[in-house]
């Protein structure tokens, strides 16, 4: 399920407007994207594109997450240094060390503790989605893009985010 909302907040989805072409250059990756917002505040906003799978798996870009080597890797955005950088995860597993709850039941980070839980059979590798790169906005930039019609903010469920 997804419901349009008036106030942007962590955990919401940002769906790019299909009506107009608004992104160019390095931001072209945002065209027809769905972004999970994981941080939003006075210092700016950031998130991950959740509908851009790549041809890579986590194991193709890092050996630091052996329990997740076969997980698909998603292009999270237009910011970051090349393919061979650290990866980030979103999931619905509560209680992971170094994970942040971005909204009810949606978490960001905690991959190292997640490996332990998967190896102990307390979580499954498929419960985690991994990204390289991310999307970010300067203070006020996201609000301006929403006002100009670039994005439609939605409240969503974990199932839709990890689908």
Protein backbone atom coordinates (compact mmCIF):
# COMPACT_ATOMS: atom_id res chain seq x y z
CA UNK A 1 0.00 0.00 0.00
CA UNK A 2 1.05 3.62 -0.50
CA UNK A 3 -0.73 6.83 0.51
CA UNK A 4 0.14 10.37 -0.60
CA UNK A 5 1.31 12.58 2.28
CA UNK A 6 1.76 16.31 2.78
CA UNK A 7 4.80 16.28 5.04
CA UNK A 8 8.09 14.72 3.95
CA UNK A 9 9.73 12.59 6.62
CA UNK A 10 12.21 9.71 6.92
CA UNK A 11 10.66 6.46 5.76
CA UNK A 12 8.50 8.02 3.07
CA UNK A 13 8.82 7.20 -0.59
CA UNK A 14 9.51 9.86 -3.18
CA UNK A 15 8.12 8.93 -6.58
CA UNK A 16 9.48 10.99 -9.45
CA UNK A 17 6.86 12.70 -11.55
CA UNK A 18 6.04 10.77 -14.73
CA UNK A 19 4.48 13.87 -16.28
CA UNK A 20 7.58 15.93 -16.90
CA UNK A 21 11.24 15.28 -17.52
CA UNK A 22 13.04 17.21 -14.80
CA UNK A 23 16.41 15.57 -14.28
CA UNK A 24 19.57 15.93 -16.38
CA UNK A 25 23.28 15.17 -16.23
CA UNK A 26 24.30 13.04 -13.26
CA UNK A 27 20.77 13.47 -11.86
CA UNK A 28 19.29 11.63 -14.87
CA UNK A 29 19.33 8.46 -12.73
CA UNK A 30 16.45 10.02 -10.76
CA UNK A 31 14.11 9.96 -13.78
CA UNK A 32 11.32 7.41 -13.14
CA UNK A 33 12.79 6.56 -9.74
CA UNK A 34 11.30 5.66 -6.38
CA UNK A 35 13.43 6.84 -3.44
CA UNK A 36 13.22 5.68 0.16
CA UNK A 37 14.07 8.73 2.27
CA UNK A 38 16.25 7.68 5.22
CA UNK A 39 17.26 11.12 6.51
CA UNK A 40 15.47 14.47 6.39
CA UNK A 41 16.07 17.57 8.45
CA UNK A 42 17.63 21.01 8.70
CA UNK A 43 20.97 19.71 7.37
CA UNK A 44 19.42 18.17 4.24
CA UNK A 45 18.00 14.85 3.11
CA UNK A 46 19.23 11.52 1.78
CA UNK A 47 17.90 8.18 0.65
CA UNK A 48 18.18 5.28 -1.77
CA UNK A 49 16.56 4.58 -5.12
CA UNK A 50 14.74 1.30 -4.53
CA UNK A 51 13.76 0.48 -8.12
CA UNK A 52 17.19 0.34 -9.82
CA UNK A 53 18.56 -3.22 -9.63
CA UNK A 54 21.98 -3.67 -11.22
CA UNK A 55 23.51 -6.74 -12.84
CA UNK A 56 25.73 -7.14 -9.76
CA UNK A 57 25.38 -8.98 -6.49
CA UNK A 58 26.83 -7.74 -3.20
CA UNK A 59 29.71 -10.24 -3.52
CA UNK A 60 30.76 -8.65 -6.82
CA UNK A 61 31.67 -5.37 -5.11
CA UNK A 62 32.71 -6.33 -1.57
CA UNK A 63 33.96 -9.37 0.30
CA UNK A 64 33.14 -7.76 3.68
CA UNK A 65 29.57 -9.15 3.69
CA UNK A 66 29.96 -12.88 2.97
CA UNK A 67 26.47 -13.79 4.23
CA UNK A 68 24.99 -11.48 1.58
CA UNK A 69 27.23 -12.24 -1.42
CA UNK A 70 24.27 -13.46 -3.51
CA UNK A 71 21.94 -10.57 -2.64
CA UNK A 72 21.16 -8.31 -5.60
CA UNK A 73 22.82 -4.91 -5.54
CA UNK A 74 20.79 -1.80 -6.33
CA UNK A 75 21.95 1.56 -7.66
CA UNK A 76 20.98 3.77 -4.73
CA UNK A 77 21.56 7.12 -6.39
CA UNK A 78 23.92 9.52 -8.07
CA UNK A 79 26.29 10.23 -5.19
CA UNK A 80 29.31 8.11 -4.32
CA UNK A 81 32.68 7.11 -5.67
CA UNK A 82 32.41 4.36 -8.26
CA UNK A 83 31.15 0.82 -8.00
CA UNK A 84 33.83 -0.40 -5.56
CA UNK A 85 32.64 1.47 -2.52
CA UNK A 86 30.93 0.40 0.65
CA UNK A 87 27.35 -0.74 0.39
CA UNK A 88 24.38 0.21 2.57
CA UNK A 89 21.30 -1.79 3.49
CA UNK A 90 17.66 -1.32 4.34
CA UNK A 91 15.60 -3.97 6.09
CA UNK A 92 12.82 -4.71 8.54
CA UNK A 93 14.88 -6.47 11.24
CA UNK A 94 14.58 -4.69 14.61
CA UNK A 95 17.35 -4.64 17.18
CA UNK A 96 20.41 -4.65 14.92
CA UNK A 97 23.45 -2.85 16.31
CA UNK A 98 24.31 0.27 14.32
CA UNK A 99 20.94 0.29 12.55
CA UNK A 100 18.63 3.30 12.53
CA UNK A 101 14.86 3.05 12.40
CA UNK A 102 13.79 5.49 9.71
CA UNK A 103 10.07 4.83 10.22
CA UNK A 104 7.84 2.16 11.72
CA UNK A 105 9.54 -1.14 10.91
CA UNK A 106 11.94 0.21 8.26
CA UNK A 107 15.64 0.27 9.23
CA UNK A 108 18.85 1.48 7.64
CA UNK A 109 22.30 -0.03 8.32
CA UNK A 110 23.52 -2.64 10.78
CA UNK A 111 24.92 -4.99 8.12
CA UNK A 112 27.69 -6.43 10.29
CA UNK A 113 25.30 -7.49 13.05
CA UNK A 114 22.92 -8.75 10.36
CA UNK A 115 25.59 -11.20 9.17
CA UNK A 116 25.75 -12.65 12.66
CA UNK A 117 21.97 -13.07 12.82
CA UNK A 118 21.86 -14.71 9.40
CA UNK A 119 24.65 -17.13 10.34
CA UNK A 120 22.73 -18.00 13.54
CA UNK A 121 19.50 -18.55 11.59
CA UNK A 122 17.74 -15.62 13.32
CA UNK A 123 17.33 -13.67 10.06
CA UNK A 124 17.44 -14.47 6.36
CA UNK A 125 19.69 -12.85 3.77
CA UNK A 126 16.63 -12.07 1.62
CA UNK A 127 15.36 -9.76 4.38
CA UNK A 128 17.99 -7.17 3.38
CA UNK A 129 18.32 -4.93 0.34
CA UNK A 130 21.74 -3.50 -0.54
CA UNK A 131 22.69 -0.31 -2.38
CA UNK A 132 25.79 1.36 -3.68
CA UNK A 133 25.64 5.13 -3.98
CA UNK A 134 22.79 7.24 -2.62
CA UNK A 135 20.68 10.32 -3.31
CA UNK A 136 21.12 13.53 -1.30
CA UNK A 137 19.69 17.02 -1.20
CA UNK A 138 21.02 20.22 0.37
CA UNK A 139 18.86 21.97 2.99
CA UNK A 140 15.61 23.10 1.34
CA UNK A 141 16.45 21.50 -2.03
CA UNK A 142 14.07 18.55 -1.70
CA UNK A 143 11.20 20.79 -0.59
CA UNK A 144 11.80 23.01 -3.64
CA UNK A 145 11.80 19.97 -5.96
CA UNK A 146 8.53 18.76 -4.43
CA UNK A 147 6.99 22.24 -4.87
CA UNK A 148 8.03 22.27 -8.53
CA UNK A 149 6.41 18.88 -9.14
CA UNK A 150 9.49 16.67 -9.35
CA UNK A 151 8.39 14.33 -6.55
CA UNK A 152 5.24 12.92 -5.04
CA UNK A 153 5.82 11.91 -1.38
CA UNK A 154 4.06 8.73 -0.20
CA UNK A 155 3.73 6.86 3.07
CA UNK A 156 4.37 3.20 2.40
CA UNK A 157 4.81 -0.23 3.94
CA UNK A 158 7.97 -2.25 4.48
CA UNK A 159 6.61 -4.90 2.12
CA UNK A 160 6.47 -2.41 -0.73
CA UNK A 161 9.93 -1.04 0.07
CA UNK A 162 11.56 -4.49 0.04
CA UNK A 163 9.47 -5.93 -2.80
